[in-house]
Structure formats: C-alpha cells, structure tokens
C-alpha cells in the first residue's frame, strides 16, 4: 500500500479461482474504505491458472465505481480481443478498468489518476 499516492499493488500468483477473486475484492473494498485508496494495480503475470473472461466480467460488477483498476496480464493469459471485451464491458457499467501486458504501462496509466 502506498498511502501517500492512494495506490494499492496486488501481486497475484499461483492458481486463482473465482472465489479467490471474490475474497480479494472484499479485502480491497475494506482497505479502500479504511485507507482511502482509490487505485489498484494488479499484476497477474505469475498466475498459473486464472478464471475465464466470463467470471472476470461477473466479478467486475462488484468493483466500486470510484476505484480504478490497472491489470497486468501475460500474452498467454488473454488475447487482445479478451482484454478489449473486458475493458468495454467495464466501461459500459461505469467501471474503470484497463488491461496491460506491461507493468510500466499499467503504472503510467494508474498514476494519471493520482
């Protein structure tokens, strides 16, 4: 947690299930309220297995509208079309989520909000 910048960085690794992601979202919401965090950078590049796009879209409904998410994925985890679909779906719901293949690009994008 970088309280000065109001940024939380999550390093996600191993096998991640939809239930794991739901629990993580609950924890993020708690931290967001307690520490007044507004931006989250999630690095999923070390995940061995992750939920499919359908599960991810469903989970985005739980995102607080005011929170911004930058998600870093590897090329093996999602195609450009998958990423575009997830971003567009979130935008239609008023959510702020953008996906990247580079942690540096994700950092640059999320820092625009701080």
Protein backbone atom coordinates (compact mmCIF):
# COMPACT_ATOMS: atom_id res chain seq x y z
CA UNK A 1 0.00 0.00 0.00
CA UNK A 2 1.30 3.40 -0.94
CA UNK A 3 -0.87 5.60 1.28
CA UNK A 4 0.73 8.80 0.01
CA UNK A 5 -0.28 8.02 -3.58
CA UNK A 6 -3.51 6.23 -2.57
CA UNK A 7 -2.35 3.18 -4.55
CA UNK A 8 -2.59 -0.49 -3.69
CA UNK A 9 -0.49 -3.01 -5.61
CA UNK A 10 -1.56 -6.67 -5.68
CA UNK A 11 0.81 -9.43 -6.81
CA UNK A 12 -1.41 -12.39 -7.72
CA UNK A 13 0.20 -15.78 -8.27
CA UNK A 14 -0.50 -19.50 -8.35
CA UNK A 15 -3.91 -20.96 -9.13
CA UNK A 16 -6.64 -18.33 -8.71
CA UNK A 17 -10.33 -19.25 -8.63
CA UNK A 18 -13.40 -17.01 -8.93
CA UNK A 19 -13.91 -17.50 -5.17
CA UNK A 20 -10.34 -16.29 -4.53
CA UNK A 21 -11.00 -13.21 -6.63
CA UNK A 22 -14.26 -12.52 -4.79
CA UNK A 23 -12.47 -12.69 -1.43
CA UNK A 24 -9.73 -10.41 -2.72
CA UNK A 25 -12.33 -7.87 -3.86
CA UNK A 26 -13.89 -7.85 -0.39
CA UNK A 27 -10.47 -7.22 1.14
CA UNK A 28 -9.76 -4.47 -1.40
CA UNK A 29 -13.04 -2.74 -0.58
CA UNK A 30 -12.22 -2.88 3.12
CA UNK A 31 -8.74 -1.44 2.55
CA UNK A 32 -10.15 1.18 0.19
CA UNK A 33 -12.56 2.40 2.86
CA UNK A 34 -10.04 2.23 5.71
CA UNK A 35 -7.07 3.81 3.92
CA UNK A 36 -8.97 5.90 1.32
CA UNK A 37 -7.28 4.05 -1.54
CA UNK A 38 -8.66 4.89 -4.98
CA UNK A 39 -6.39 2.97 -7.37
CA UNK A 40 -5.33 -0.67 -7.61
CA UNK A 41 -2.63 -2.20 -9.79
CA UNK A 42 -2.99 -5.99 -10.07
CA UNK A 43 -0.11 -7.98 -11.53
CA UNK A 44 -1.40 -11.40 -12.62
CA UNK A 45 1.62 -12.44 -14.70
CA UNK A 46 2.65 -15.08 -12.15
CA UNK A 47 -0.75 -16.75 -12.02
CA UNK A 48 -0.60 -20.39 -13.09
CA UNK A 49 -4.34 -20.51 -13.68
CA UNK A 50 -6.99 -17.82 -13.60
CA UNK A 51 -10.76 -17.61 -14.04
CA UNK A 52 -12.12 -17.26 -17.55
CA UNK A 53 -13.33 -13.97 -19.01
CA UNK A 54 -16.93 -14.76 -18.08
CA UNK A 55 -16.01 -14.97 -14.40
CA UNK A 56 -13.95 -11.82 -14.63
CA UNK A 57 -16.81 -9.87 -16.20
CA UNK A 58 -19.18 -11.11 -13.48
CA UNK A 59 -16.74 -10.09 -10.73
CA UNK A 60 -16.32 -6.59 -12.15
CA UNK A 61 -19.89 -5.88 -11.07
CA UNK A 62 -18.54 -5.84 -7.52
CA UNK A 63 -15.93 -3.17 -8.28
CA UNK A 64 -16.63 0.12 -6.54
CA UNK A 65 -17.41 2.72 -9.21
CA UNK A 66 -14.83 5.15 -7.82
CA UNK A 67 -11.97 2.65 -7.83
CA UNK A 68 -9.56 2.45 -10.78
CA UNK A 69 -8.03 -0.91 -11.69
CA UNK A 70 -4.95 -1.48 -13.85
CA UNK A 71 -4.46 -5.19 -14.54
CA UNK A 72 -1.22 -6.64 -15.91
CA UNK A 73 -1.57 -9.94 -17.79
CA UNK A 74 0.73 -12.07 -19.89
CA UNK A 75 0.06 -12.82 -23.55
CA UNK A 76 -0.68 -16.43 -22.57
CA UNK A 77 -3.46 -15.38 -20.17
CA UNK A 78 -5.61 -13.32 -22.51
CA UNK A 79 -5.80 -12.23 -26.11
CA UNK A 80 -6.10 -8.62 -27.19
CA UNK A 81 -9.77 -9.33 -28.02
CA UNK A 82 -10.34 -10.71 -24.50
CA UNK A 83 -8.83 -7.60 -22.97
CA UNK A 84 -10.85 -5.28 -25.18
CA UNK A 85 -14.05 -7.16 -24.29
CA UNK A 86 -13.33 -6.88 -20.55
CA UNK A 87 -12.44 -3.19 -20.76
CA UNK A 88 -15.51 -2.37 -22.89
CA UNK A 89 -17.84 -4.30 -20.60
CA UNK A 90 -16.47 -2.47 -17.56
CA UNK A 91 -16.76 0.90 -19.28
CA UNK A 92 -20.41 0.21 -20.14
CA UNK A 93 -21.04 -0.42 -16.44
CA UNK A 94 -19.25 2.77 -15.39
CA UNK A 95 -16.23 0.88 -14.06
CA UNK A 96 -12.63 1.97 -14.52
CA UNK A 97 -10.52 -0.99 -15.59
CA UNK A 98 -7.73 -1.17 -18.13
CA UNK A 99 -5.58 -4.17 -19.02
CA UNK A 100 -1.91 -4.14 -19.97
CA UNK A 101 0.83 -6.54 -20.97
CA UNK A 102 3.44 -4.26 -19.36
CA UNK A 103 3.66 -3.26 -15.69
CA UNK A 104 5.31 0.01 -16.70
CA UNK A 105 2.36 0.95 -18.94
CA UNK A 106 -0.09 -0.03 -16.20
CA UNK A 107 1.79 2.15 -13.71
CA UNK A 108 1.77 5.11 -16.09
CA UNK A 109 -1.98 4.80 -16.66
CA UNK A 110 -2.92 4.41 -12.99
CA UNK A 111 -0.69 7.30 -11.92
CA UNK A 112 -2.75 9.63 -14.14
CA UNK A 113 -5.50 9.35 -11.51
CA UNK A 114 -3.29 10.18 -8.53
